[in-house]
Amino acid sequence: MNEDYLVRALAYDGQIRAFAITSTNTVSEACRRQDTWATASAALGRTITISAMMGAMLKGNDRLTVKVEGNGPIGYIVADSNAKGEVRGYIKHPHVHFDLNEKGKLDVRRAVGTEGTISVVKDLGLREHFTGQVPIISGEIGEDFTYYFVNSEQVPSSVGAGVLVNPDHTILASGGFILQVMPGADDETITKLEKQIASIPPISSLIRDGKSPEEILEMLLDGGEMKILDRLPVQFHCQCSKERIQNAIKSLGNEEIQEMIDEDNGATATCHFCNETYTFSAEELEELKEQ
């Protein structure tokens, strides 16, 4: 399989900042671990795809966490990403699927809901985290993040993300783009961009047809003298480990650890993101108490 990656670029003499991503493998891995049904896969996949691009806006060891919490049957989606192209995500209710909507597409809006919030927490290595929150405006996720950038970060943007799911629930194609208008951009450029965005086919079908992130940006930035800044490999990556879970157990305190020993003669913990399960024997818990 081709590796997932994203491209960062500038166009129109630096007036436009652009990102495009192919995320098929990354989304496949997340959906496999979450055991999602098709409509839930599309919602989770769009969120992960956008989060990966937002991670690429960070630097160094910075990271961000995105939460899409609507009033639809999937509950909430959480994704986190960093500047290294590592992303992961999970969904509260993975077994959600509906018939296609009137446009013949997966009904993500119905799964997510049209009321609720999108929040983004950035850990930039400072004492205070940056948190931005906006209401969900459509439930389609791309439009909701477009609204987030304009209202929370004051950067006029266009965000697109799409996922195509095979009849057997595997992921056929997934990808996305973010175009951002930099300060001082002229109206002519913005109008031209809006027309281009409206005229190109859905991003997921472009990825399915083998278009690369570079080619997708060429289509979106038509004639904007695109300058590619860099390419970043993207992958599903979970930071969980037995050691991290041990530290979490230690932080519960001796009384709670003793309860685990008395009641269950051990403990098991499962990571929300990757569904790996970690088991601790009574002896191991005794050692954690001593530490």
Protein backbone atom coordinates (compact mmCIF):
# COMPACT_ATOMS: atom_id res chain seq x y z
CA MET A 1 0.00 0.00 0.00
CA ASN A 2 1.13 3.54 -0.66
CA GLU A 3 2.28 5.39 2.41
CA ASP A 4 0.13 8.22 3.73
CA TYR A 5 1.65 11.68 3.72
CA LEU A 6 0.74 15.34 3.71
CA VAL A 7 2.08 18.29 1.79
CA ARG A 8 2.51 21.87 3.01
CA ALA A 9 2.60 24.62 0.43
CA LEU A 10 2.26 28.34 -0.19
CA ALA A 11 0.62 29.91 -3.22
CA TYR A 12 -0.26 33.30 -4.70
CA ASP A 13 2.97 34.90 -3.40
CA GLY A 14 2.42 33.65 0.13
CA GLN A 15 -1.18 34.89 0.32
CA ILE A 16 -2.45 31.33 0.70
CA ARG A 17 -1.19 28.56 2.98
CA ALA A 18 -2.24 25.08 1.88
CA PHE A 19 -2.22 21.52 3.18
CA ALA A 20 -3.37 18.32 1.50
CA ILE A 21 -3.23 14.77 2.79
CA THR A 22 -3.81 11.20 1.77
CA SER A 23 -4.83 9.31 4.92
CA THR A 24 -6.29 6.00 3.69
CA ASN A 25 -3.98 3.68 5.66
CA THR A 26 -4.07 5.80 8.81
CA VAL A 27 -7.87 5.90 8.83
CA SER A 28 -8.03 2.16 7.99
CA GLU A 29 -5.90 1.36 11.03
CA ALA A 30 -7.97 3.57 13.35
CA CYS A 31 -11.26 2.13 12.07
CA ARG A 32 -9.98 -1.44 12.33
CA ARG A 33 -8.98 -0.91 15.95
CA GLN A 34 -12.29 0.79 16.76
CA ASP A 35 -14.37 -1.75 14.78
CA THR A 36 -16.40 1.05 13.18
CA TRP A 37 -19.37 0.62 10.86
CA ALA A 38 -19.40 2.65 7.64
CA THR A 39 -21.02 5.94 8.70
CA ALA A 40 -19.02 6.00 11.95
CA SER A 41 -15.86 5.25 9.90
CA ALA A 42 -16.50 8.32 7.74
CA ALA A 43 -16.99 10.55 10.80
CA LEU A 44 -13.90 9.21 12.58
CA GLY A 45 -11.86 9.27 9.37
CA ARG A 46 -12.69 12.89 8.56
CA THR A 47 -11.79 13.95 12.11
CA ILE A 48 -8.47 12.08 12.06
CA THR A 49 -7.61 13.46 8.61
CA ILE A 50 -8.21 17.07 9.66
CA SER A 51 -6.41 16.53 12.99
CA ALA A 52 -3.31 15.25 11.17
CA MET A 53 -3.18 18.42 9.05
CA MET A 54 -3.70 20.59 12.13
CA GLY A 55 -0.84 18.72 13.81
CA ALA A 56 1.37 19.72 10.88
CA MET A 57 0.75 23.36 11.81
CA LEU A 58 2.55 22.76 15.13
CA LYS A 59 6.29 22.69 15.86
CA GLY A 60 8.69 20.42 17.77
CA ASN A 61 7.00 18.37 20.50
CA ASP A 62 3.75 20.36 20.47
CA ARG A 63 0.55 18.34 20.19
CA LEU A 64 -3.18 18.93 19.97
CA THR A 65 -6.37 17.12 20.87
CA VAL A 66 -9.61 17.57 18.97
CA LYS A 67 -13.04 16.61 20.31
CA VAL A 68 -16.17 16.55 18.17
CA GLU A 69 -19.12 16.20 20.51
CA GLY A 70 -22.50 16.32 18.81
CA ASN A 71 -25.99 15.16 19.74
CA GLY A 72 -25.98 12.29 17.22
CA PRO A 73 -25.79 8.55 17.95
CA ILE A 74 -22.00 8.22 17.67
CA GLY A 75 -21.56 10.31 20.83
CA TYR A 76 -18.16 11.97 20.64
CA ILE A 77 -14.97 11.59 18.60
CA VAL A 78 -11.54 12.34 20.04
CA ALA A 79 -8.37 12.61 17.95
CA ASP A 80 -4.91 13.78 18.80
CA SER A 81 -1.93 14.55 16.64
CA ASN A 82 1.52 16.12 16.69
CA ALA A 83 4.00 17.88 14.42
CA LYS A 84 5.61 14.54 13.43
CA GLY A 85 2.66 13.22 11.43
CA GLU A 86 1.49 10.88 14.20
CA VAL A 87 -2.26 10.77 14.79
CA ARG A 88 -4.78 8.57 16.57
CA GLY A 89 -8.50 8.73 17.31
CA TYR A 90 -11.45 6.97 18.86
CA ILE A 91 -15.22 7.15 18.75
CA LYS A 92 -17.67 6.56 21.58
CA HIS A 93 -20.21 4.44 19.65
CA PRO A 94 -18.50 2.77 16.68
CA HIS A 95 -21.46 0.66 15.55
CA VAL A 96 -23.45 3.36 13.76
CA HIS A 97 -24.52 3.15 10.13
CA PHE A 98 -27.38 4.67 8.12
CA ASP A 99 -28.61 4.50 4.55
CA LEU A 100 -26.92 6.98 2.23
CA ASN A 101 -28.22 10.55 2.32
CA GLU A 102 -30.04 12.32 -0.53
CA LYS A 103 -26.69 13.08 -2.21
CA GLY A 104 -25.81 9.37 -2.20
CA LYS A 105 -23.13 9.90 0.46
CA LEU A 106 -22.56 8.47 3.93
CA ASP A 107 -24.82 10.40 6.31
CA VAL A 108 -22.14 11.78 8.60
CA ARG A 109 -24.32 14.71 9.67
CA ARG A 110 -26.95 12.33 11.04
CA ALA A 111 -24.29 10.31 12.89
CA VAL A 112 -22.55 13.34 14.42
CA GLY A 113 -25.63 15.48 15.05
CA THR A 114 -26.16 19.14 14.23
CA GLU A 115 -25.86 20.51 17.76
CA GLY A 116 -22.88 20.33 20.06
CA THR A 117 -19.30 21.59 20.10
CA ILE A 118 -15.91 21.18 18.51
CA SER A 119 -13.01 21.84 20.82
CA VAL A 120 -9.29 21.97 20.17
CA VAL A 121 -6.73 21.87 22.96
CA LYS A 122 -3.13 22.67 22.02
CA ASP A 123 -0.28 21.64 24.27
CA LEU A 124 2.49 23.98 23.18
CA GLY A 125 4.81 23.14 26.06
CA LEU A 126 3.67 26.23 27.99
CA ARG A 127 2.06 26.18 31.40
CA GLU A 128 -1.34 27.07 29.98
CA HIS A 129 -2.88 25.07 27.16
CA PHE A 130 -4.57 26.93 24.32
CA THR A 131 -8.22 25.88 24.06
CA GLY A 132 -10.64 26.92 21.35
CA GLN A 133 -14.27 25.88 21.15
CA VAL A 134 -17.03 26.52 18.62
CA PRO A 135 -20.55 25.19 18.10
CA ILE A 136 -21.13 22.47 15.52
CA ILE A 137 -22.79 24.17 12.56
CA SER A 138 -23.46 21.30 10.15
CA GLY A 139 -22.24 17.97 11.52
CA GLU A 140 -20.36 17.31 8.28
CA ILE A 141 -17.06 17.98 10.12
CA GLY A 142 -15.22 19.76 7.26
CA GLU A 143 -17.62 22.70 7.41
CA ASP A 144 -17.44 22.64 11.21
CA PHE A 145 -13.65 22.98 11.18
CA THR A 146 -13.89 25.73 8.56
CA TYR A 147 -16.06 27.57 11.11
CA TYR A 148 -13.58 26.74 13.90
CA PHE A 149 -10.62 28.33 12.08
CA VAL A 150 -12.52 31.51 11.23
CA ASN A 151 -14.03 31.99 14.68
CA SER A 152 -11.50 30.55 17.09
CA GLU A 153 -8.20 31.21 15.34
CA GLN A 154 -9.35 34.17 13.19
CA VAL A 155 -7.90 32.56 10.05
CA PRO A 156 -10.31 32.43 7.09
CA SER A 157 -9.98 28.83 5.89
CA SER A 158 -11.59 26.16 3.81
CA VAL A 159 -11.43 22.62 5.19
CA GLY A 160 -12.36 19.52 3.22
CA ALA A 161 -12.16 15.86 4.24
CA GLY A 162 -13.72 12.74 2.79
CA VAL A 163 -13.74 9.00 3.36
CA LEU A 164 -15.00 6.29 1.00
CA VAL A 165 -15.92 2.98 2.63
CA ASN A 166 -16.05 -0.39 0.85
CA PRO A 167 -19.14 -2.65 1.16
CA ASP A 168 -17.16 -4.83 3.62
CA HIS A 169 -16.56 -1.76 5.83
CA THR A 170 -12.86 -1.46 4.93
CA ILE A 171 -11.59 1.98 3.89
CA LEU A 172 -11.29 2.56 0.15
CA ALA A 173 -9.94 6.11 0.17
CA SER A 174 -9.47 8.95 2.62
CA GLY A 175 -7.94 12.40 2.39
CA GLY A 176 -8.41 16.10 2.89
CA PHE A 177 -7.20 19.65 2.44
CA ILE A 178 -6.98 22.91 4.36
CA LEU A 179 -6.54 26.23 2.55
CA GLN A 180 -5.89 29.31 4.67
CA VAL A 181 -5.95 32.96 3.73
CA MET A 182 -2.98 34.84 5.13
CA PRO A 183 -3.20 38.47 6.31
CA GLY A 184 -3.12 40.92 3.40
CA ALA A 185 -4.49 38.52 0.77
CA ASP A 186 -6.41 40.34 -1.96
CA ASP A 187 -10.10 39.79 -2.74
CA GLU A 188 -9.36 38.62 -6.27
CA THR A 189 -7.31 35.68 -4.97
CA ILE A 190 -9.99 34.76 -2.43
CA THR A 191 -12.75 34.84 -5.06
CA LYS A 192 -10.68 32.68 -7.40
CA LEU A 193 -10.05 30.14 -4.63
CA GLU A 194 -13.71 29.96 -3.68
CA LYS A 195 -14.60 29.15 -7.30
CA GLN A 196 -11.94 26.43 -7.49
CA ILE A 197 -13.05 24.81 -4.23
CA ALA A 198 -16.65 24.74 -5.43
CA SER A 199 -15.74 23.20 -8.78
CA ILE A 200 -13.48 20.26 -7.87
CA PRO A 201 -14.84 16.73 -7.31
CA PRO A 202 -15.14 15.34 -3.77
CA ILE A 203 -11.71 14.87 -2.19
CA SER A 204 -12.31 11.18 -1.42
CA SER A 205 -13.02 10.37 -5.06
CA LEU A 206 -9.85 12.21 -6.13
CA ILE A 207 -7.84 10.05 -3.71
CA ARG A 208 -9.64 6.93 -4.95
CA ASP A 209 -8.68 7.85 -8.50
CA GLY A 210 -5.03 7.96 -7.46
CA LYS A 211 -4.53 11.72 -7.21
CA SER A 212 -1.64 12.70 -4.94
CA PRO A 213 -1.80 15.50 -2.36
CA GLU A 214 0.38 17.58 -4.72
CA GLU A 215 -2.06 17.06 -7.61
CA ILE A 216 -5.03 17.91 -5.40
CA LEU A 217 -3.37 21.19 -4.39
CA GLU A 218 -2.57 21.94 -8.05
CA MET A 219 -6.30 21.61 -8.79
CA LEU A 220 -7.34 23.75 -5.82
CA LEU A 221 -4.72 26.46 -6.34
CA ASP A 222 -5.15 26.54 -10.10
CA GLY A 223 -2.50 28.90 -11.46
CA GLY A 224 -1.48 30.16 -8.03
CA GLU A 225 2.22 29.32 -8.49
CA MET A 226 2.29 26.79 -5.74
CA LYS A 227 5.52 26.39 -3.79
CA ILE A 228 5.79 23.12 -1.88
CA LEU A 229 7.43 23.66 1.51
CA ASP A 230 7.68 20.04 2.61
CA ARG A 231 6.18 16.57 2.75
CA LEU A 232 5.47 14.75 5.99
CA PRO A 233 4.74 11.02 6.36
CA VAL A 234 1.51 10.40 8.28
CA GLN A 235 0.66 7.33 10.34
CA PHE A 236 -1.62 5.99 13.03
CA HIS A 237 0.47 6.01 16.19
CA CYS A 238 -0.63 5.41 19.77
CA GLN A 239 1.52 6.53 22.69
CA CYS A 240 0.09 4.02 25.14
CA SER A 241 2.44 1.57 26.89
CA LYS A 242 2.45 -0.65 29.96
CA GLU A 243 4.66 1.92 31.68
CA ARG A 244 2.14 4.73 31.09
CA ILE A 245 -0.69 2.61 32.46
CA GLN A 246 1.47 1.73 35.48
CA ASN A 247 1.99 5.41 36.18
CA ALA A 248 -1.76 5.98 35.89
CA ILE A 249 -2.43 3.16 38.38
CA LYS A 250 0.20 4.53 40.79
CA SER A 251 -1.52 7.91 40.70
CA LEU A 252 -4.74 6.29 42.02
CA GLY A 253 -3.16 5.81 45.45
CA ASN A 254 -2.67 2.76 47.65
CA GLU A 255 -6.27 2.36 48.80
CA GLU A 256 -7.62 2.00 45.28
CA ILE A 257 -4.78 -0.33 44.27
CA GLN A 258 -5.51 -2.52 47.32
CA GLU A 259 -9.18 -2.66 46.25
CA MET A 260 -8.12 -3.97 42.83
CA ILE A 261 -6.07 -6.68 44.52
CA ASP A 262 -8.84 -7.65 46.96
CA GLU A 263 -11.72 -7.57 44.47
CA ASP A 264 -10.18 -8.69 41.18
CA ASN A 265 -6.82 -10.17 42.19
CA GLY A 266 -5.28 -7.94 39.51
CA ALA A 267 -6.26 -5.32 36.97
CA THR A 268 -6.77 -4.91 33.23
CA ALA A 269 -6.77 -1.63 31.36
CA THR A 270 -7.65 -1.05 27.71
CA CYS A 271 -6.46 1.95 25.70
CA HIS A 272 -9.39 3.90 24.21
CA PHE A 273 -7.41 4.77 21.11
CA CYS A 274 -5.87 1.48 19.99
CA ASN A 275 -7.79 -1.08 22.06
CA GLU A 276 -4.58 -2.70 23.33
CA THR A 277 -5.21 -4.39 26.68
CA TYR A 278 -2.69 -4.36 29.53
CA THR A 279 -2.92 -6.87 32.38
CA PHE A 280 -1.46 -6.50 35.85
CA SER A 281 -1.22 -9.40 38.32
CA ALA A 282 -1.80 -8.99 42.05
CA GLU A 283 2.00 -9.21 42.54
CA GLU A 284 2.61 -6.40 40.06
CA LEU A 285 0.01 -4.25 41.82
CA GLU A 286 1.70 -4.93 45.19
CA GLU A 287 4.96 -3.66 43.66
CA LEU A 288 3.23 -0.52 42.36
CA LYS A 289 1.91 0.12 45.87
CA GLU A 290 5.43 -0.05 47.28
CA GLN A 291 6.67 2.39 44.66
